[in-house]
Amino acid sequence: MKRALLLLFASSCAPGASAAPGEPVEMRVTRGELSERVLLTGQLVAEKAERSIVPMTKIWQLSIRWLAEDGASAKPGDRVVEFDNSVFVGELAEKRLRLRQAALDLAAQRATAAATTADKEFALAREKILLEKAALEASLPRDFQPERDWQEKQLARERAQVAVRKAEAELVAQKKSAALDLEVKQIEADKIRRELEVADQGIAALTLTAPKAGILLVGEHPWEDRKFQVGDVVQPGWTVVELPDLSAVRVEASLSDVDDGRVAAGARATCTLDAWPDEPLSGTVREVAPLAQEVGQRSLRRAFKVVVALDRTDPERMRPGMSVKVEVRGKPVAGVLTAPRAALDVAAPAAFLISGERVPVELGPCDAQRCVVHKGLGEGQALGRRP
């Protein structure tokens, strides 16, 4: 019994014993080594992806009429997004009517040209017959007929020759004119036919299909901070749907602009997916954006994009868009004064003494338990728990 009481007394007097209720907990400023820890939030992003982009059409803005479900599985050739084509369908019917009318006009022009050419050819044949007759009469000997009759026959032959040459010229001109008119009509018909083909291709381009099998991810609206949905008006070049390559993913996180310089390329990081908090993944900071950008369309906060390359990935479970907590470890600093975070107010830098007094301090890097103290405290100074 005595031995048990002695052990109980010794444990109650030990330096690490808990304080009695209502008494301040004593903590001290110590000198040692500390590695800074920076916590970031981000998400998984595929290194490569097949993107379904809004096509370029004569209509600058298109409306989404149908959209595949976010996260759905797709096979090659499956429809993933369809844009409104009502304007193109209306124009298509009009162009088909115009093409039919152009074909009728071309046929009518061809028939008219053939009839006119036949008339000219008949006129030429008639003039040639008259020329043969006049030439036969003019070939009679001059001595067997009156001089006046012979001269009139010679003149008639010359007139017939002129008439033949005129008929030949009119036939040639008619053929050229008919060929030009037919060419114009053909050009008009071909132009309408090309417009019809372009309209057909435009309608086909308004339905985007999956180029390969994969998981569909609906894109983010550029300025409304949400995913695309049916009815949205989109512009050429926007990515509406993408099929990521799940074999290669990275982490993209945001570093607040007030923490500029606390994360550098090459630093080691631990990434924890919200879906599997018990399975952290190691990685390396690959890139830190040189300029901070707005976090949202209507937000005044700015942040740097931080890219973390993972040491290993799991294509079976990891999906782009999953939330990730990133812990970046900085370079360790040795021989510095450190104070427990429980005794510090990090937001408005201050420390709480064992007496309860609040004193301003200048803090440096922090880890999960302690912070570096540059000014305001001395080594071995007793501190109390933050209220």
Protein backbone atom coordinates (compact mmCIF):
# COMPACT_ATOMS: atom_id res chain seq x y z
CA MET A 1 0.00 0.00 0.00
CA LYS A 2 2.83 2.40 0.88
CA ARG A 3 4.50 1.62 -2.42
CA ALA A 4 1.35 2.48 -4.37
CA LEU A 5 0.97 5.80 -2.52
CA LEU A 6 4.63 6.66 -3.20
CA LEU A 7 4.21 5.94 -6.93
CA LEU A 8 1.07 8.08 -7.08
CA PHE A 9 2.87 10.97 -5.29
CA ALA A 10 5.85 10.70 -7.62
CA SER A 11 3.69 10.76 -10.77
CA SER A 12 1.79 13.82 -9.51
CA CYS A 13 5.04 15.69 -8.96
CA ALA A 14 6.51 14.84 -12.37
CA PRO A 15 7.27 17.84 -14.69
CA GLY A 16 4.86 16.65 -17.39
CA ALA A 17 1.91 16.23 -15.02
CA SER A 18 -1.34 17.88 -15.94
CA ALA A 19 -2.22 21.12 -14.21
CA ALA A 20 -5.06 21.26 -11.79
CA PRO A 21 -8.36 22.61 -13.10
CA GLY A 22 -8.28 26.41 -13.36
CA GLU A 23 -4.46 26.64 -13.27
CA PRO A 24 -2.57 27.86 -16.42
CA VAL A 25 -0.65 25.25 -18.41
CA GLU A 26 3.06 26.13 -18.51
CA MET A 27 4.96 25.99 -21.82
CA ARG A 28 8.41 27.33 -22.57
CA VAL A 29 10.37 28.97 -25.36
CA THR A 30 13.09 26.59 -26.53
CA ARG A 31 15.91 26.64 -29.04
CA GLY A 32 15.97 23.97 -31.70
CA GLU A 33 15.22 22.98 -35.29
CA LEU A 34 11.97 23.53 -37.22
CA SER A 35 10.73 22.72 -40.70
CA GLU A 36 8.07 25.06 -42.04
CA ARG A 37 4.78 23.51 -43.16
CA VAL A 38 2.51 25.21 -45.71
CA LEU A 39 -1.00 23.83 -46.20
CA LEU A 40 -2.65 24.24 -49.59
CA THR A 41 -5.89 23.03 -51.14
CA GLY A 42 -6.17 21.86 -54.71
CA GLN A 43 -7.49 19.18 -57.01
CA LEU A 44 -6.33 16.45 -59.35
CA VAL A 45 -5.78 17.49 -62.98
CA ALA A 46 -4.98 15.24 -65.92
CA GLU A 47 -1.66 15.85 -67.66
CA LYS A 48 -3.25 15.12 -71.05
CA ALA A 49 -6.86 15.09 -72.24
CA GLU A 50 -8.90 14.89 -75.42
CA ARG A 51 -10.96 18.07 -75.54
CA SER A 52 -14.30 18.68 -77.25
CA ILE A 53 -14.07 22.31 -78.37
CA VAL A 54 -16.85 24.58 -79.59
CA PRO A 55 -16.49 24.63 -83.42
CA MET A 56 -16.06 27.76 -85.52
CA THR A 57 -19.22 28.56 -87.48
CA LYS A 58 -20.64 31.65 -89.18
CA ILE A 59 -22.72 32.10 -86.02
CA TRP A 60 -20.30 33.31 -83.34
CA GLN A 61 -22.28 32.07 -80.34
CA LEU A 62 -23.89 28.65 -80.03
CA SER A 63 -26.31 27.27 -77.47
CA ILE A 64 -25.84 23.88 -75.81
CA ARG A 65 -28.89 21.72 -76.60
CA TRP A 66 -27.70 18.45 -75.06
CA LEU A 67 -24.78 17.61 -72.79
CA ALA A 68 -23.47 14.31 -71.45
CA GLU A 69 -23.49 13.74 -67.71
CA ASP A 70 -20.35 14.73 -65.83
CA GLY A 71 -18.34 11.63 -64.90
CA ALA A 72 -20.15 9.32 -67.32
CA SER A 73 -18.28 6.61 -69.23
CA ALA A 74 -18.02 6.99 -73.00
CA LYS A 75 -17.10 4.70 -75.86
CA PRO A 76 -15.49 5.89 -79.13
CA GLY A 77 -18.10 7.64 -81.26
CA ASP A 78 -20.55 8.30 -78.42
CA ARG A 79 -22.28 11.68 -78.51
CA VAL A 80 -20.93 13.97 -75.78
CA VAL A 81 -22.36 17.40 -76.63
CA GLU A 82 -24.83 18.76 -79.16
CA PHE A 83 -25.36 22.41 -80.03
CA ASP A 84 -28.54 24.05 -81.25
CA ASN A 85 -28.73 23.75 -85.06
CA SER A 86 -32.16 25.28 -85.72
CA VAL A 87 -30.67 28.21 -87.66
CA PHE A 88 -28.64 25.87 -89.86
CA VAL A 89 -31.58 23.53 -90.46
CA GLY A 90 -33.74 26.46 -91.62
CA GLU A 91 -31.01 27.63 -93.98
CA LEU A 92 -30.52 24.07 -95.19
CA ALA A 93 -34.14 23.80 -96.38
CA GLU A 94 -33.85 27.18 -98.12
CA LYS A 95 -30.60 26.19 -99.86
CA ARG A 96 -32.12 22.94 -101.07
CA LEU A 97 -34.98 24.88 -102.67
CA ARG A 98 -32.49 27.27 -104.25
CA LEU A 99 -30.43 24.36 -105.57
CA ARG A 100 -33.53 22.78 -107.10
CA GLN A 101 -34.47 26.10 -108.73
CA ALA A 102 -30.91 26.53 -110.01
CA ALA A 103 -31.02 23.04 -111.54
CA LEU A 104 -34.33 23.90 -113.28
CA ASP A 105 -32.91 27.19 -114.56
CA LEU A 106 -29.83 25.38 -115.86
CA ALA A 107 -31.96 22.80 -117.70
CA ALA A 108 -34.16 25.56 -119.18
CA GLN A 109 -31.12 27.54 -120.28
CA ARG A 110 -29.62 24.43 -121.87
CA ALA A 111 -32.87 23.74 -123.79
CA THR A 112 -33.15 27.38 -124.90
CA ALA A 113 -29.52 27.39 -126.06
CA ALA A 114 -30.04 24.16 -128.00
CA ALA A 115 -33.16 25.52 -129.74
CA THR A 116 -31.49 28.83 -130.64
CA THR A 117 -28.38 27.05 -131.91
CA ALA A 118 -30.57 24.75 -134.03
CA ASP A 119 -32.28 27.80 -135.56
CA LYS A 120 -28.93 29.36 -136.39
CA GLU A 121 -27.67 26.13 -137.89
CA PHE A 122 -30.84 25.88 -140.00
CA ALA A 123 -30.41 29.47 -141.19
CA LEU A 124 -26.79 28.73 -142.15
CA ALA A 125 -27.81 25.62 -144.08
CA ARG A 126 -30.47 27.61 -145.94
CA GLU A 127 -27.97 30.34 -146.85
CA LYS A 128 -25.53 27.71 -148.11
CA ILE A 129 -28.22 26.22 -150.35
CA LEU A 130 -29.03 29.68 -151.70
CA LEU A 131 -25.31 30.24 -152.28
CA GLU A 132 -25.03 26.99 -154.24
CA LYS A 133 -28.02 28.03 -156.36
CA ALA A 134 -26.59 31.51 -156.97
CA ALA A 135 -23.17 30.06 -157.79
CA LEU A 136 -24.74 27.65 -160.30
CA GLU A 137 -26.65 30.45 -162.05
CA ALA A 138 -23.56 32.69 -162.05
CA SER A 139 -21.50 29.95 -163.71
CA LEU A 140 -23.54 30.11 -166.98
CA PRO A 141 -21.43 31.42 -169.91
CA ARG A 142 -21.55 35.16 -170.30
CA ASP A 143 -22.01 34.94 -174.06
CA PHE A 144 -25.29 33.00 -173.85
CA GLN A 145 -27.22 35.63 -171.91
CA PRO A 146 -27.76 39.34 -171.78
CA GLU A 147 -25.02 41.32 -170.08
CA ARG A 148 -27.44 42.72 -167.51
CA ASP A 149 -28.67 39.24 -166.50
CA TRP A 150 -25.12 37.97 -166.13
CA GLN A 151 -24.11 40.90 -163.90
CA GLU A 152 -27.22 40.46 -161.72
CA LYS A 153 -26.37 36.76 -161.26
CA GLN A 154 -22.81 37.63 -160.26
CA LEU A 155 -24.15 40.15 -157.75
CA ALA A 156 -26.62 37.57 -156.39
CA ARG A 157 -23.77 35.10 -155.82
CA GLU A 158 -21.77 37.70 -153.90
CA ARG A 159 -24.81 38.54 -151.78
CA ALA A 160 -25.33 34.85 -151.06
CA GLN A 161 -21.67 34.53 -150.00
CA VAL A 162 -22.06 37.49 -147.63
CA ALA A 163 -25.23 35.92 -146.22
CA VAL A 164 -23.42 32.62 -145.60
CA ARG A 165 -20.54 34.35 -143.81
CA LYS A 166 -23.03 36.32 -141.71
CA ALA A 167 -24.95 33.15 -140.79
CA GLU A 168 -21.71 31.42 -139.85
CA ALA A 169 -20.69 34.35 -137.62
CA GLU A 170 -24.12 34.40 -135.98
CA LEU A 171 -23.87 30.64 -135.32
CA VAL A 172 -20.42 30.99 -133.74
CA ALA A 173 -21.61 33.94 -131.63
CA GLN A 174 -24.71 32.00 -130.57
CA LYS A 175 -22.63 29.03 -129.45
CA LYS A 176 -20.27 31.25 -127.45
CA SER A 177 -23.15 33.14 -125.87
CA ALA A 178 -24.96 29.92 -125.04
CA ALA A 179 -21.80 28.42 -123.52
CA LEU A 180 -21.27 31.55 -121.36
CA ASP A 181 -24.89 31.58 -120.20
CA LEU A 182 -24.70 27.89 -119.35
CA GLU A 183 -21.43 28.43 -117.48
CA VAL A 184 -22.99 31.24 -115.43
CA LYS A 185 -25.97 29.06 -114.55
CA GLN A 186 -23.65 26.16 -113.71
CA ILE A 187 -21.53 28.39 -111.46
CA GLU A 188 -24.65 29.55 -109.62
CA ALA A 189 -25.78 25.96 -109.15
CA ASP A 190 -22.31 24.85 -107.99
CA LYS A 191 -22.14 27.76 -105.55
CA ILE A 192 -25.46 26.81 -103.99
CA ARG A 193 -24.36 23.16 -103.90
CA ARG A 194 -21.17 24.11 -102.05
CA GLU A 195 -23.17 26.21 -99.62
CA LEU A 196 -25.43 23.22 -99.06
CA GLU A 197 -22.43 20.97 -98.40
CA VAL A 198 -20.98 23.51 -95.98
CA ALA A 199 -24.34 23.72 -94.20
CA ASP A 200 -24.46 19.91 -93.95
CA GLN A 201 -20.93 19.85 -92.57
CA GLY A 202 -21.81 22.66 -90.17
CA ILE A 203 -24.77 20.71 -88.83
CA ALA A 204 -22.60 17.60 -88.46
CA ALA A 205 -19.94 19.65 -86.65
CA LEU A 206 -22.52 20.78 -84.08
CA THR A 207 -22.62 17.24 -82.68
CA LEU A 208 -19.34 16.32 -80.95
CA THR A 209 -18.47 12.69 -80.29
CA ALA A 210 -15.93 10.95 -78.06
CA PRO A 211 -12.66 10.22 -79.93
CA LYS A 212 -11.81 7.40 -77.53
CA ALA A 213 -13.13 5.53 -74.52
CA GLY A 214 -12.86 7.24 -71.16
CA ILE A 215 -14.52 9.23 -68.38
CA LEU A 216 -16.28 12.44 -69.46
CA LEU A 217 -15.58 15.63 -67.55
CA VAL A 218 -17.79 18.67 -68.21
CA GLY A 219 -15.75 21.86 -68.54
CA GLU A 220 -15.89 24.95 -66.34
CA HIS A 221 -17.68 28.10 -67.51
CA PRO A 222 -14.99 30.80 -67.97
CA TRP A 223 -16.61 33.47 -65.80
CA GLU A 224 -19.50 31.93 -63.87
CA ASP A 225 -17.42 29.58 -61.65
CA ARG A 226 -19.53 26.51 -62.46
CA LYS A 227 -19.68 23.66 -64.95
CA PHE A 228 -21.41 24.02 -68.30
CA GLN A 229 -25.04 23.03 -68.50
CA VAL A 230 -27.78 22.75 -71.12
CA GLY A 231 -28.88 26.16 -72.37
CA ASP A 232 -25.52 27.88 -71.89
CA VAL A 233 -24.33 30.13 -74.72
CA VAL A 234 -20.75 29.28 -75.68
CA GLN A 235 -18.11 30.67 -78.03
CA PRO A 236 -15.65 29.00 -80.46
CA GLY A 237 -12.58 27.61 -78.76
CA TRP A 238 -14.19 26.89 -75.39
CA THR A 239 -13.68 23.37 -74.01
CA VAL A 240 -17.10 21.98 -73.13
CA VAL A 241 -16.17 18.34 -72.45
CA GLU A 242 -12.86 16.55 -72.09
CA LEU A 243 -11.72 12.94 -71.79
CA PRO A 244 -8.66 12.94 -69.50
CA ASP A 245 -5.82 10.46 -69.66
CA LEU A 246 -6.13 8.81 -66.22
CA SER A 247 -2.66 7.27 -66.41
CA ALA A 248 -0.98 10.66 -65.75
CA VAL A 249 -2.43 13.15 -63.27
CA ARG A 250 -0.98 16.01 -61.27
CA VAL A 251 -2.13 18.21 -58.41
CA GLU A 252 -2.90 21.89 -58.96
CA ALA A 253 -3.17 23.88 -55.73
CA SER A 254 -3.52 27.57 -54.83
CA LEU A 255 -1.02 29.56 -52.76
CA SER A 256 -2.40 32.81 -51.37
CA ASP A 257 -0.53 35.91 -52.50
CA VAL A 258 0.14 36.83 -48.84
CA ASP A 259 2.25 33.63 -48.63
CA ASP A 260 4.39 34.56 -51.63
CA GLY A 261 7.81 32.96 -51.38
CA ARG A 262 6.89 30.27 -48.87
CA VAL A 263 6.70 27.56 -51.56
CA ALA A 264 9.37 26.98 -54.19
CA ALA A 265 9.88 24.49 -57.00
CA GLY A 266 11.63 21.33 -55.83
CA ALA A 267 10.08 21.26 -52.36
CA ARG A 268 8.71 17.92 -51.17
CA ALA A 269 4.99 17.68 -50.48
CA THR A 270 2.47 15.27 -49.01
CA CYS A 271 -0.87 15.11 -50.80
CA THR A 272 -3.96 13.72 -49.12
CA LEU A 273 -7.09 13.06 -51.16
CA ASP A 274 -10.34 13.82 -49.37
CA ALA A 275 -11.69 10.52 -50.67
CA TRP A 276 -8.84 8.53 -49.04
CA PRO A 277 -7.54 10.50 -46.04
CA ASP A 278 -5.64 7.49 -44.68
CA GLU A 279 -3.52 7.06 -47.82
CA PRO A 280 -1.27 10.13 -48.27
CA LEU A 281 0.80 10.42 -51.43
CA SER A 282 4.24 11.98 -51.71
CA GLY A 283 5.19 14.39 -54.43
CA THR A 284 7.40 17.27 -55.52
CA VAL A 285 6.49 20.88 -56.30
CA ARG A 286 7.14 21.11 -60.03
CA GLU A 287 6.11 24.68 -60.72
CA VAL A 288 4.94 27.84 -58.98
CA ALA A 289 3.25 30.44 -61.18
CA PRO A 290 5.20 33.73 -61.34
CA LEU A 291 2.04 35.85 -61.16
CA ALA A 292 -0.95 35.63 -58.84
CA GLN A 293 -4.41 35.58 -60.40
CA GLU A 294 -7.92 36.19 -59.10
CA VAL A 295 -9.37 33.18 -57.32
CA GLY A 296 -12.85 33.81 -58.75
CA GLN A 297 -14.64 36.12 -61.15
CA ARG A 298 -15.98 38.36 -58.36
CA SER A 299 -13.28 37.70 -55.76
CA LEU A 300 -10.67 40.19 -54.61
CA ARG A 301 -8.36 37.40 -53.40
CA ARG A 302 -5.40 36.42 -55.55
CA ALA A 303 -3.35 33.24 -55.52
CA PHE A 304 -0.41 31.57 -57.24
CA LYS A 305 -0.98 28.25 -59.00
CA VAL A 306 1.22 25.50 -57.59
CA VAL A 307 1.75 22.30 -59.61
CA VAL A 308 2.75 19.17 -57.68
CA ALA A 309 4.01 16.04 -59.47
CA LEU A 310 3.01 12.85 -57.66
CA ASP A 311 5.49 10.04 -57.12
CA ARG A 312 2.80 7.47 -57.95
CA THR A 313 -0.79 7.46 -59.19
CA ASP A 314 -3.72 5.06 -59.13
CA PRO A 315 -5.70 5.25 -62.41
CA GLU A 316 -8.34 2.91 -60.99
CA ARG A 317 -9.37 5.28 -58.22
CA MET A 318 -7.94 8.71 -58.92
CA ARG A 319 -10.14 10.97 -61.02
CA PRO A 320 -9.50 14.55 -62.19
CA GLY A 321 -11.43 17.02 -60.07
CA MET A 322 -10.95 15.19 -56.76
CA SER A 323 -10.11 17.53 -53.86
CA VAL A 324 -6.60 17.29 -52.43
CA LYS A 325 -4.97 18.72 -49.30
CA VAL A 326 -1.29 19.51 -49.93
CA GLU A 327 1.29 19.88 -47.18
CA VAL A 328 4.52 21.42 -48.47
CA ARG A 329 7.59 21.08 -46.27
CA GLY A 330 10.11 23.91 -46.35
CA LYS A 331 13.82 23.82 -45.62
CA PRO A 332 14.62 23.10 -41.94
CA VAL A 333 16.08 25.93 -39.90
CA ALA A 334 18.31 25.12 -36.88
CA GLY A 335 19.27 27.01 -33.75
CA VAL A 336 16.17 29.20 -33.66
CA LEU A 337 13.83 30.10 -30.83
CA THR A 338 10.51 28.28 -31.06
CA ALA A 339 7.28 28.59 -29.13
CA PRO A 340 4.29 26.24 -28.96
CA ARG A 341 1.43 27.27 -31.24
CA ALA A 342 -0.97 26.75 -28.35
CA ALA A 343 0.55 29.81 -26.67
CA LEU A 344 0.50 32.04 -29.76
CA ASP A 345 -1.98 34.15 -31.65
CA VAL A 346 -0.77 33.71 -35.22
CA ALA A 347 -3.35 36.03 -36.86
CA ALA A 348 -2.27 39.08 -34.82
CA PRO A 349 1.19 37.92 -33.77
CA ALA A 350 1.30 37.76 -29.99
CA ALA A 351 2.31 35.36 -27.19
CA PHE A 352 0.58 34.66 -23.87
CA LEU A 353 2.80 34.52 -20.80
CA ILE A 354 2.21 32.19 -17.87
CA SER A 355 0.76 35.17 -16.04
CA GLY A 356 -1.88 35.64 -18.76
CA GLU A 357 -0.25 38.78 -20.15
CA ARG A 358 -0.33 39.21 -23.94
CA VAL A 359 2.91 40.41 -25.51
CA PRO A 360 3.50 41.23 -29.21
CA VAL A 361 6.00 39.06 -31.03
CA GLU A 362 7.52 38.68 -34.48
CA LEU A 363 6.96 35.18 -35.82
CA GLY A 364 8.66 33.22 -38.54
CA PRO A 365 7.86 29.86 -40.15
CA CYS A 366 5.59 27.39 -38.38
CA ASP A 367 4.99 23.67 -38.39
CA ALA A 368 2.07 21.76 -36.90
CA GLN A 369 3.19 22.32 -33.25
CA ARG A 370 5.60 25.25 -33.02
CA CYS A 371 6.53 28.60 -34.62
CA VAL A 372 9.83 30.42 -34.93
CA VAL A 373 10.02 33.53 -32.74
CA HIS A 374 12.28 36.31 -34.05
CA LYS A 375 11.46 39.02 -31.47
CA GLY A 376 9.49 39.44 -28.25
CA LEU A 377 10.47 36.35 -26.24
CA GLY A 378 13.58 34.88 -24.67
CA GLU A 379 14.87 31.36 -24.41
CA GLY A 380 13.33 29.46 -21.48
CA GLN A 381 10.55 32.02 -20.96
CA ALA A 382 7.38 30.45 -19.57
CA LEU A 383 4.21 30.75 -21.60
CA GLY A 384 0.55 29.99 -20.99
CA ARG A 385 -2.13 28.52 -23.20
CA ARG A 386 -3.91 30.87 -25.57
CA PRO A 387 -7.39 31.79 -24.18
